[in-house]
Amino acid sequence: MDAQAETVTVEQAIANFSAEVAYWREVRGMSKKVLAAAMGYTPSYVSHMEAGRTKPSEDFARIADEQLNSGKAIWNRWCEYEAAKARAHTLAISPPPRRAEQPYATGTALVVEHDAAHLDYDGSMYRLTMRRLLRNTGNDPITRYLIRISVDRYPGEPERSNEHYREHPLTWAELNLTACSCGEEMLWEAKHDRDAVKEVWLLFENSEGRFPLYPGESVWIEYAYSVSDYKWGRWFQRAVRLPTEHLEVQLDFPLALDPVVWGTETSMTSEAAPLRTAPHRHDDEDEGRRTFAWSTSTPALHARYRLAWKFRARPELSTNHEELG
């Protein structure tokens, strides 16, 4: 169990499990009714589980992980929940000295003051650049930050996607992952390495030394990676996994492809609905680019915002997904 997971409360572990199930169900393009039938549960049970009203069970976690082919992501969340319960029981028997209350009772000391995603497509390759302003509201230095990269070429067709990535897995060489903090290169290490999902620790250190994020401090980090359009999909999702104060997304496409963009948002308690504000479109005739920008303030924890697109000038390209946590 990693250091970050050790700070998760039982309540947060339940919320994390619920969000993980909802995320993979959406990735696989399955309704709650369809998932429930495949798992042998009622739709209302699945709905209660995703809303966090039902505590995770071992059987549900195991079957959901298999049916949604989450690469053990759902199962790991259940293990996190079990570990949180065990810690809570131990603390109830022998509580530690009381520490100062944190500004956010979410099981983590990290707050994202600003989250900015820029996705650039050149006609064959996507390059995603993420910039985040992180604030440490806790009492201990933070030495690493977890990111997730996941792709789904054929949303709604899990077996087809699984076969596609077995034959054409994401590779570290293709991703060409780079990261920095205030101009300092950040080293990274893989946490999970699967055909279509990568989880990576970005380290606040490099060959020249360490630069932890100390309590009360804020720092900008930036990381970027590439994925070919043969493996990427035609939607990009932002999942709010930490308290976030402002979130923005910019999509940058060749104007000649005549791209169109739309979006949806999903919370812990509601199904997908259209974004409350439309993405703003801007055409740059001189550069031959069309950009779409969208933003929101104080998004709800575990909310998911998805922007999807198609290329009207090249419809064969509009058959693909990507999400980063």
Protein backbone atom coordinates (compact mmCIF):
# COMPACT_ATOMS: atom_id res chain seq x y z
CA MET A 1 0.00 0.00 0.00
CA ASP A 2 1.50 3.37 -0.98
CA ALA A 3 1.88 6.36 1.34
CA GLN A 4 -0.94 8.30 -0.31
CA ALA A 5 -3.39 5.43 0.13
CA GLU A 6 -2.57 5.26 3.83
CA THR A 7 -4.20 8.68 4.34
CA VAL A 8 -7.56 7.64 2.85
CA THR A 9 -10.48 7.49 5.26
CA VAL A 10 -13.23 4.86 5.07
CA GLU A 11 -15.64 7.45 3.69
CA GLN A 12 -13.17 8.56 1.04
CA ALA A 13 -12.37 4.94 0.14
CA ILE A 14 -16.08 4.30 -0.46
CA ALA A 15 -16.29 7.41 -2.63
CA ASN A 16 -13.17 6.37 -4.56
CA PHE A 17 -14.59 2.89 -5.17
CA SER A 18 -17.92 4.30 -6.35
CA ALA A 19 -16.22 6.71 -8.72
CA GLU A 20 -13.98 3.97 -10.11
CA VAL A 21 -16.96 1.73 -10.93
CA ALA A 22 -18.85 4.61 -12.56
CA TYR A 23 -15.76 5.60 -14.55
CA TRP A 24 -15.16 2.15 -16.03
CA ARG A 25 -18.85 1.61 -16.74
CA GLU A 26 -18.84 4.83 -18.77
CA VAL A 27 -15.58 3.90 -20.50
CA ARG A 28 -17.14 0.60 -21.58
CA GLY A 29 -20.31 2.36 -22.76
CA MET A 30 -22.58 0.31 -20.51
CA SER A 31 -25.75 1.52 -18.81
CA LYS A 32 -26.37 0.63 -15.17
CA LYS A 33 -29.09 -1.74 -16.31
CA VAL A 34 -26.78 -3.59 -18.70
CA LEU A 35 -23.97 -3.79 -16.14
CA ALA A 36 -26.36 -5.02 -13.46
CA ALA A 37 -27.64 -7.80 -15.74
CA ALA A 38 -24.08 -8.87 -16.61
CA MET A 39 -23.10 -8.95 -12.93
CA GLY A 40 -26.23 -10.59 -11.57
CA TYR A 41 -27.29 -7.56 -9.52
CA THR A 42 -30.29 -5.24 -9.74
CA PRO A 43 -29.94 -1.84 -11.45
CA SER A 44 -30.89 -0.12 -8.18
CA TYR A 45 -28.02 -1.91 -6.39
CA VAL A 46 -25.52 -0.72 -8.99
CA SER A 47 -26.99 2.80 -8.73
CA HIS A 48 -26.63 2.80 -4.94
CA MET A 49 -23.07 1.51 -5.26
CA GLU A 50 -22.08 4.28 -7.69
CA ALA A 51 -23.70 6.90 -5.45
CA GLY A 52 -21.75 5.67 -2.44
CA ARG A 53 -24.87 4.66 -0.55
CA THR A 54 -23.86 0.98 -0.46
CA LYS A 55 -20.57 -0.21 1.02
CA PRO A 56 -18.28 -2.09 -1.38
CA SER A 57 -18.25 -5.87 -1.13
CA GLU A 58 -15.60 -8.34 -2.24
CA ASP A 59 -17.96 -10.15 -4.63
CA PHE A 60 -19.16 -6.93 -6.25
CA ALA A 61 -15.60 -5.66 -6.66
CA ARG A 62 -14.37 -8.91 -8.18
CA ILE A 63 -17.29 -9.27 -10.64
CA ALA A 64 -17.27 -5.59 -11.61
CA ASP A 65 -13.52 -5.75 -12.26
CA GLU A 66 -14.03 -8.76 -14.52
CA GLN A 67 -17.09 -7.48 -16.39
CA LEU A 68 -15.65 -3.99 -16.95
CA ASN A 69 -12.12 -5.29 -17.54
CA SER A 70 -10.66 -2.48 -15.45
CA GLY A 71 -7.20 -4.06 -15.19
CA LYS A 72 -7.58 -4.50 -11.41
CA ALA A 73 -8.38 -0.80 -10.93
CA ILE A 74 -11.75 -1.58 -9.30
CA TRP A 75 -10.27 -4.42 -7.28
CA ASN A 76 -7.47 -2.15 -6.02
CA ARG A 77 -10.06 0.38 -4.86
CA TRP A 78 -11.79 -2.37 -2.89
CA CYS A 79 -8.44 -3.33 -1.32
CA GLU A 80 -7.97 0.36 -0.45
CA TYR A 81 -11.40 0.32 1.24
CA GLU A 82 -10.53 -2.82 3.25
CA ALA A 83 -7.24 -1.27 4.34
CA ALA A 84 -9.04 1.93 5.41
CA LYS A 85 -11.48 -0.13 7.49
CA ALA A 86 -8.61 -1.94 9.18
CA ARG A 87 -6.86 1.34 10.00
CA ALA A 88 -10.09 2.80 11.37
CA HIS A 89 -10.54 -0.24 13.61
CA THR A 90 -6.95 0.03 14.87
CA LEU A 91 -7.31 3.75 15.56
CA ALA A 92 -10.57 3.13 17.42
CA ILE A 93 -8.70 0.79 19.76
CA SER A 94 -5.62 2.97 20.15
CA PRO A 95 -6.15 6.48 18.72
CA PRO A 96 -3.03 8.56 17.97
CA PRO A 97 -2.49 12.09 19.30
CA ARG A 98 -4.93 14.48 17.67
CA ARG A 99 -3.56 16.47 14.75
CA ALA A 100 -4.78 19.79 13.42
CA GLU A 101 -7.85 19.48 11.23
CA GLN A 102 -7.17 19.81 7.51
CA PRO A 103 -8.99 22.40 5.36
CA TYR A 104 -10.40 19.55 3.22
CA ALA A 105 -11.81 16.44 4.86
CA THR A 106 -11.22 14.29 1.78
CA GLY A 107 -8.44 11.94 2.87
CA THR A 108 -5.75 13.91 1.07
CA ALA A 109 -3.64 16.99 1.76
CA LEU A 110 -3.37 18.01 -1.90
CA VAL A 111 -5.58 20.69 -3.44
CA VAL A 112 -5.54 21.61 -7.12
CA GLU A 113 -5.80 25.39 -7.40
CA HIS A 114 -5.79 25.34 -11.20
CA ASP A 115 -6.02 22.45 -13.66
CA ALA A 116 -5.36 23.19 -17.33
CA ALA A 117 -5.34 20.59 -20.12
CA HIS A 118 -4.22 21.36 -23.69
CA LEU A 119 -4.77 18.66 -26.29
CA ASP A 120 -3.13 19.17 -29.67
CA TYR A 121 -3.79 17.00 -32.74
CA ASP A 122 -1.65 17.24 -35.87
CA GLY A 123 -3.61 14.83 -38.06
CA SER A 124 -2.00 11.62 -36.83
CA MET A 125 -0.71 12.15 -33.29
CA TYR A 126 -2.26 13.59 -30.14
CA ARG A 127 -0.06 15.45 -27.66
CA LEU A 128 -1.57 16.24 -24.26
CA THR A 129 -0.01 18.86 -21.99
CA MET A 130 -1.28 19.10 -18.42
CA ARG A 131 -0.48 22.03 -16.11
CA ARG A 132 -1.58 21.92 -12.48
CA LEU A 133 -1.08 24.32 -9.60
CA LEU A 134 -0.89 22.12 -6.51
CA ARG A 135 -1.20 23.31 -2.90
CA ASN A 136 -0.15 21.27 0.13
CA THR A 137 -2.73 21.86 2.88
CA GLY A 138 -1.33 19.12 5.12
CA ASN A 139 1.40 18.89 7.72
CA ASP A 140 3.93 16.77 5.82
CA PRO A 141 6.01 17.33 2.67
CA ILE A 142 4.65 15.76 -0.53
CA THR A 143 7.28 13.94 -2.57
CA ARG A 144 5.26 12.45 -5.47
CA TYR A 145 2.08 12.89 -7.47
CA LEU A 146 0.03 10.16 -9.18
CA ILE A 147 -1.30 10.50 -12.75
CA ARG A 148 -3.30 8.09 -14.90
CA ILE A 149 -3.28 7.57 -18.65
CA SER A 150 -6.02 5.36 -20.13
CA VAL A 151 -7.34 4.93 -23.65
CA ASP A 152 -10.32 3.20 -25.25
CA ARG A 153 -10.36 2.98 -29.03
CA TYR A 154 -13.89 1.55 -29.29
CA PRO A 155 -16.14 2.90 -26.50
CA GLY A 156 -19.09 0.61 -25.88
CA GLU A 157 -17.28 -2.38 -27.38
CA PRO A 158 -14.99 -3.62 -24.58
CA GLU A 159 -14.00 -6.90 -26.21
CA ARG A 160 -13.05 -5.13 -29.43
CA SER A 161 -11.01 -2.56 -27.51
CA ASN A 162 -9.31 -5.24 -25.42
CA GLU A 163 -8.30 -7.15 -28.53
CA HIS A 164 -7.07 -3.93 -30.15
CA TYR A 165 -4.77 -3.09 -27.23
CA ARG A 166 -3.53 -6.64 -26.85
CA GLU A 167 -2.27 -6.34 -30.42
CA HIS A 168 -1.32 -2.64 -30.17
CA PRO A 169 -0.52 -1.79 -26.53
CA LEU A 170 0.47 1.64 -25.31
CA THR A 171 4.24 1.80 -25.00
CA TRP A 172 6.43 4.06 -22.91
CA ALA A 173 8.49 4.90 -25.99
CA GLU A 174 5.41 6.14 -27.82
CA LEU A 175 4.12 8.13 -24.83
CA ASN A 176 7.42 10.04 -24.51
CA LEU A 177 6.31 11.22 -21.08
CA THR A 178 8.01 14.37 -19.79
CA ALA A 179 7.38 16.24 -16.53
CA CYS A 180 8.72 19.30 -14.74
CA SER A 181 8.07 21.45 -11.68
CA CYS A 182 9.02 25.14 -11.79
CA GLY A 183 11.51 24.39 -14.54
CA GLU A 184 12.99 21.41 -12.70
CA GLU A 185 12.80 18.07 -14.49
CA MET A 186 10.71 15.52 -12.55
CA LEU A 187 11.69 11.88 -12.58
CA TRP A 188 8.87 9.34 -12.77
CA GLU A 189 8.23 5.69 -12.01
CA ALA A 190 5.48 3.37 -13.22
CA LYS A 191 2.93 2.18 -10.68
CA HIS A 192 0.76 0.14 -13.08
CA ASP A 193 1.73 -0.79 -16.64
CA ARG A 194 -1.05 -2.37 -18.71
CA ASP A 195 -1.93 -2.47 -22.39
CA ALA A 196 -4.37 0.46 -22.26
CA VAL A 197 -3.81 1.91 -18.79
CA LYS A 198 -0.73 3.43 -17.21
CA GLU A 199 -0.46 4.86 -13.70
CA VAL A 200 2.65 6.87 -12.98
CA TRP A 201 4.23 8.53 -9.96
CA LEU A 202 5.74 11.91 -10.82
CA LEU A 203 8.57 12.46 -8.34
CA PHE A 204 9.57 15.81 -6.88
CA GLU A 205 13.20 14.97 -7.51
CA ASN A 206 15.80 14.52 -10.24
CA SER A 207 19.49 13.72 -10.56
CA GLU A 208 20.35 17.15 -9.16
CA GLY A 209 18.37 16.83 -5.95
CA ARG A 210 14.93 16.82 -4.32
CA PHE A 211 12.33 19.58 -4.14
CA PRO A 212 9.34 18.40 -2.05
CA LEU A 213 6.11 20.37 -1.90
CA TYR A 214 6.17 21.62 1.69
CA PRO A 215 3.11 22.37 3.85
CA GLY A 216 1.47 25.67 2.94
CA GLU A 217 3.30 25.94 -0.40
CA SER A 218 1.92 25.88 -3.96
CA VAL A 219 3.78 24.81 -7.10
CA TRP A 220 3.06 24.46 -10.81
CA ILE A 221 3.77 21.07 -12.35
CA GLU A 222 3.57 20.27 -16.06
CA TYR A 223 3.63 16.95 -17.84
CA ALA A 224 3.00 15.88 -21.41
CA TYR A 225 2.74 12.71 -23.47
CA SER A 226 1.79 11.56 -26.97
CA VAL A 227 -0.57 8.88 -28.33
CA SER A 228 -1.27 8.08 -31.98
CA ASP A 229 -4.82 8.44 -33.25
CA TYR A 230 -4.78 4.69 -33.85
CA LYS A 231 -4.85 4.24 -30.07
CA TRP A 232 -6.49 7.45 -28.86
CA GLY A 233 -10.26 7.91 -28.90
CA ARG A 234 -12.53 10.73 -29.93
CA TRP A 235 -13.23 11.94 -26.42
CA PHE A 236 -11.22 13.38 -23.56
CA GLN A 237 -12.39 13.15 -19.96
CA ARG A 238 -11.36 15.00 -16.84
CA ALA A 239 -12.12 13.18 -13.60
CA VAL A 240 -11.98 15.34 -10.46
CA ARG A 241 -10.06 13.13 -8.02
CA LEU A 242 -8.77 15.90 -5.73
CA PRO A 243 -10.41 19.09 -4.46
CA THR A 244 -10.12 21.44 -7.43
CA GLU A 245 -10.74 25.18 -7.60
CA HIS A 246 -10.63 25.77 -11.35
CA LEU A 247 -10.54 23.42 -14.33
CA GLU A 248 -10.09 24.22 -18.00
CA VAL A 249 -9.65 22.25 -21.22
CA GLN A 250 -8.48 23.40 -24.65
CA LEU A 251 -8.69 21.24 -27.76
CA ASP A 252 -6.59 22.25 -30.76
CA PHE A 253 -7.34 20.64 -34.15
CA PRO A 254 -6.45 21.23 -37.82
CA LEU A 255 -9.07 23.54 -39.30
CA ALA A 256 -9.12 21.49 -42.51
CA LEU A 257 -10.67 18.56 -40.62
CA ASP A 258 -13.74 20.70 -39.80
CA PRO A 259 -13.95 19.45 -36.18
CA VAL A 260 -17.05 19.80 -34.00
CA VAL A 261 -17.06 19.34 -30.21
CA TRP A 262 -19.70 18.68 -27.56
CA GLY A 263 -19.55 17.65 -23.91
CA THR A 264 -21.25 16.04 -20.93
CA GLU A 265 -20.82 16.09 -17.17
CA THR A 266 -21.54 13.35 -14.61
CA SER A 267 -21.56 13.50 -10.82
CA MET A 268 -21.73 10.88 -8.09
CA THR A 269 -25.51 11.29 -7.94
CA SER A 270 -26.55 12.00 -11.52
CA GLU A 271 -26.28 10.51 -14.98
CA ALA A 272 -24.47 12.22 -17.84
CA ALA A 273 -25.98 15.56 -18.85
CA PRO A 274 -24.89 18.26 -21.32
CA LEU A 275 -22.24 20.67 -20.09
CA ARG A 276 -23.86 23.70 -18.50
CA THR A 277 -21.81 26.00 -20.74
CA ALA A 278 -20.81 25.25 -24.30
CA PRO A 279 -17.14 25.04 -25.38
CA HIS A 280 -16.00 28.29 -27.00
CA ARG A 281 -14.83 27.89 -30.60
CA HIS A 282 -12.13 29.96 -32.28
CA ASP A 283 -10.87 29.62 -35.88
CA ASP A 284 -7.39 30.84 -36.81
CA GLU A 285 -7.36 30.99 -40.60
CA ASP A 286 -3.71 32.06 -40.73
CA GLU A 287 -2.48 29.10 -38.66
CA GLY A 288 -5.07 26.70 -40.05
CA ARG A 289 -6.23 25.69 -36.57
CA ARG A 290 -9.57 25.46 -34.77
CA THR A 291 -9.60 25.52 -30.98
CA PHE A 292 -12.32 24.78 -28.46
CA ALA A 293 -12.02 26.07 -24.89
CA TRP A 294 -14.13 25.15 -21.87
CA SER A 295 -13.75 25.81 -18.14
CA THR A 296 -15.54 25.53 -14.82
CA SER A 297 -14.92 26.70 -11.26
CA THR A 298 -15.09 24.62 -8.06
CA PRO A 299 -16.11 21.35 -9.76
CA ALA A 300 -17.58 18.72 -7.44
CA LEU A 301 -15.28 16.01 -6.18
CA HIS A 302 -15.57 12.87 -8.36
CA ALA A 303 -17.38 14.80 -11.10
CA ARG A 304 -16.41 13.80 -14.63
CA TYR A 305 -16.37 16.18 -17.59
CA ARG A 306 -16.13 14.69 -21.07
CA LEU A 307 -15.52 16.49 -24.34
CA ALA A 308 -16.14 14.49 -27.50
CA TRP A 309 -15.53 15.38 -31.13
CA LYS A 310 -15.75 14.30 -34.72
CA PHE A 311 -14.04 15.41 -37.91
CA ARG A 312 -16.65 16.16 -40.55
CA ALA A 313 -14.04 16.37 -43.29
CA ARG A 314 -12.58 12.93 -42.38
CA PRO A 315 -15.32 10.83 -40.79
CA GLU A 316 -13.08 7.73 -40.71
CA LEU A 317 -11.05 9.41 -37.93
CA SER A 318 -14.14 9.82 -35.77
CA THR A 319 -14.33 6.26 -34.54
CA ASN A 320 -12.12 6.39 -31.49
CA HIS A 321 -11.09 8.06 -26.00
CA GLU A 322 -8.65 9.17 -23.54
CA GLU A 323 -8.81 10.00 -19.84
CA LEU A 324 -6.30 11.21 -17.37
CA GLY A 325 -6.82 11.47 -13.65
